[in-house]
Amino acid sequence: MLRILYVAVGSALGGVARYLVTKIIQQHIATPFPWGTFAVNIIGCLVIGLIYGLADRGLNINADLKLFLTVGFCGSFTTFSTFAHENYLLFDSGNILTVAIYASLSLFAGIVAAYGGHALANINF
């Protein structure tokens, strides 16, 4: 039951962080491209890559903390459902090129960011 609480609290914090980051970015960049959602998805990919990379490197991350950060916070901070809906809205409004760029760039940058998180985890400080 305690693990469910860790996921719930992480999810609440991740959702609030997603809302704030997206809102701040969208207020400063007025284009049809959904930069806010793009940014949180890429940041989330970097963070989850870093967490798992550190664990793969042998850093003893408490299982409950890892659950809180990955399933809870990152799972709520990143948002595939919003990403899919924004692509639908762009497609429906005739912004086909923007859909292609947004979807492709999100996939590519997300994979690169997750790789970057693993790479950061392997730096000896």
Protein backbone atom coordinates (compact mmCIF):
# COMPACT_ATOMS: atom_id res chain seq x y z
CA MET A 1 0.00 0.00 0.00
CA LEU A 2 2.90 2.35 0.75
CA ARG A 3 4.22 1.95 -2.81
CA ILE A 4 0.87 3.11 -4.16
CA LEU A 5 1.23 6.22 -2.03
CA TYR A 6 4.72 6.86 -3.46
CA VAL A 7 3.37 6.61 -7.00
CA ALA A 8 0.38 8.82 -6.14
CA VAL A 9 2.51 11.57 -4.58
CA GLY A 10 5.04 11.39 -7.42
CA SER A 11 2.20 11.59 -9.94
CA ALA A 12 0.68 14.61 -8.22
CA LEU A 13 4.01 16.44 -8.21
CA GLY A 14 4.78 15.42 -11.80
CA GLY A 15 1.38 16.62 -12.99
CA VAL A 16 1.77 19.99 -11.28
CA ALA A 17 5.30 20.36 -12.67
CA ARG A 18 4.06 19.48 -16.18
CA TYR A 19 1.29 22.06 -15.95
CA LEU A 20 3.63 24.80 -14.75
CA VAL A 21 6.44 24.10 -17.23
CA THR A 22 4.01 23.82 -20.15
CA LYS A 23 2.17 27.00 -19.17
CA ILE A 24 5.38 29.02 -18.77
CA ILE A 25 6.76 27.86 -22.11
CA GLN A 26 3.51 28.38 -24.02
CA GLN A 27 3.15 31.91 -22.59
CA HIS A 28 6.54 32.84 -24.03
CA ILE A 29 6.33 31.09 -27.38
CA ALA A 30 3.26 31.75 -29.51
CA THR A 31 3.32 29.25 -32.39
CA PRO A 32 1.09 26.36 -33.43
CA PHE A 33 3.91 23.98 -32.43
CA PRO A 34 3.21 22.68 -28.89
CA TRP A 35 6.61 23.55 -27.41
CA GLY A 36 5.43 23.09 -23.81
CA THR A 37 4.40 19.47 -24.23
CA PHE A 38 7.48 18.82 -26.35
CA ALA A 39 9.74 20.24 -23.62
CA VAL A 40 8.21 18.22 -20.76
CA ASN A 41 8.36 15.01 -22.78
CA ILE A 42 12.04 15.52 -23.64
CA ILE A 43 12.95 16.59 -20.08
CA GLY A 44 11.08 13.55 -18.75
CA CYS A 45 12.98 11.26 -21.15
CA LEU A 46 16.27 12.74 -19.94
CA VAL A 47 15.34 12.35 -16.27
CA ILE A 48 14.11 8.77 -16.60
CA GLY A 49 17.20 7.88 -18.63
CA LEU A 50 19.38 9.42 -15.91
CA ILE A 51 17.62 7.53 -13.11
CA TYR A 52 17.78 4.15 -14.83
CA GLY A 53 21.31 4.88 -16.05
CA LEU A 54 22.47 5.56 -12.50
CA ALA A 55 20.81 2.35 -11.36
CA ASP A 56 22.47 0.41 -14.20
CA ARG A 57 25.80 1.90 -13.18
CA GLY A 58 25.38 0.36 -9.78
CA LEU A 59 24.15 3.32 -7.77
CA ASN A 60 21.96 1.87 -5.08
CA ILE A 61 18.74 3.82 -5.60
CA ASN A 62 16.08 2.87 -3.08
CA ALA A 63 13.35 0.91 -4.88
CA ASP A 64 10.63 3.13 -3.43
CA LEU A 65 12.45 6.30 -4.53
CA LYS A 66 12.94 4.88 -8.01
CA LEU A 67 9.23 4.02 -8.17
CA PHE A 68 8.33 7.53 -6.94
CA LEU A 69 10.57 9.20 -9.54
CA THR A 70 9.99 6.99 -12.59
CA VAL A 71 6.43 5.66 -12.44
CA GLY A 72 5.06 8.52 -10.33
CA PHE A 73 6.82 11.77 -11.23
CA CYS A 74 8.09 11.03 -14.77
CA GLY A 75 4.97 9.07 -15.66
CA SER A 76 2.83 12.07 -14.81
CA PHE A 77 5.27 14.75 -15.97
CA THR A 78 5.46 13.36 -19.50
CA THR A 79 2.24 12.97 -21.37
CA PHE A 80 1.68 10.84 -24.42
CA SER A 81 -2.09 11.38 -24.39
CA THR A 82 -1.68 15.15 -24.67
CA PHE A 83 0.96 14.65 -27.36
CA ALA A 84 -1.40 12.44 -29.38
CA HIS A 85 -4.32 14.86 -28.99
CA GLU A 86 -2.20 17.85 -30.03
CA ASN A 87 -1.12 15.96 -33.14
CA TYR A 88 -4.75 15.22 -33.90
CA LEU A 89 -5.68 18.90 -33.50
CA LEU A 90 -2.80 19.97 -35.74
CA PHE A 91 -3.76 17.38 -38.35
CA ASP A 92 -7.44 18.33 -38.15
CA SER A 93 -6.60 22.01 -38.69
CA GLY A 94 -4.52 21.19 -41.76
CA ASN A 95 -1.07 21.62 -40.22
CA ILE A 96 0.23 18.40 -41.75
CA LEU A 97 3.86 19.54 -41.90
CA THR A 98 3.76 20.59 -38.23
CA VAL A 99 2.36 17.15 -37.31
CA ALA A 100 5.18 15.44 -39.18
CA ILE A 101 7.84 17.65 -37.59
CA TYR A 102 6.39 17.47 -34.07
CA ALA A 103 5.87 13.69 -34.05
CA SER A 104 9.23 12.92 -35.66
CA LEU A 105 11.20 15.41 -33.58
CA SER A 106 9.55 14.25 -30.35
CA LEU A 107 10.39 10.62 -31.03
CA PHE A 108 13.97 11.33 -32.09
CA ALA A 109 14.70 13.88 -29.34
CA GLY A 110 13.07 11.65 -26.71
CA ILE A 111 15.31 8.73 -27.60
CA VAL A 112 18.38 11.00 -27.70
CA ALA A 113 17.43 12.50 -24.31
CA ALA A 114 16.96 9.05 -22.73
CA TYR A 115 20.37 8.07 -24.14
CA GLY A 116 21.77 11.34 -22.76
CA GLY A 117 20.41 10.52 -19.32
CA HIS A 118 22.19 7.16 -19.40
CA ALA A 119 25.38 8.86 -20.62
CA LEU A 120 25.19 11.45 -17.82
CA ALA A 121 24.82 8.64 -15.34
CA ASN A 122 28.12 7.18 -16.53
CA ILE A 123 30.18 10.34 -15.95
CA ASN A 124 32.62 9.98 -13.10
CA PHE A 125 32.39 12.98 -10.82
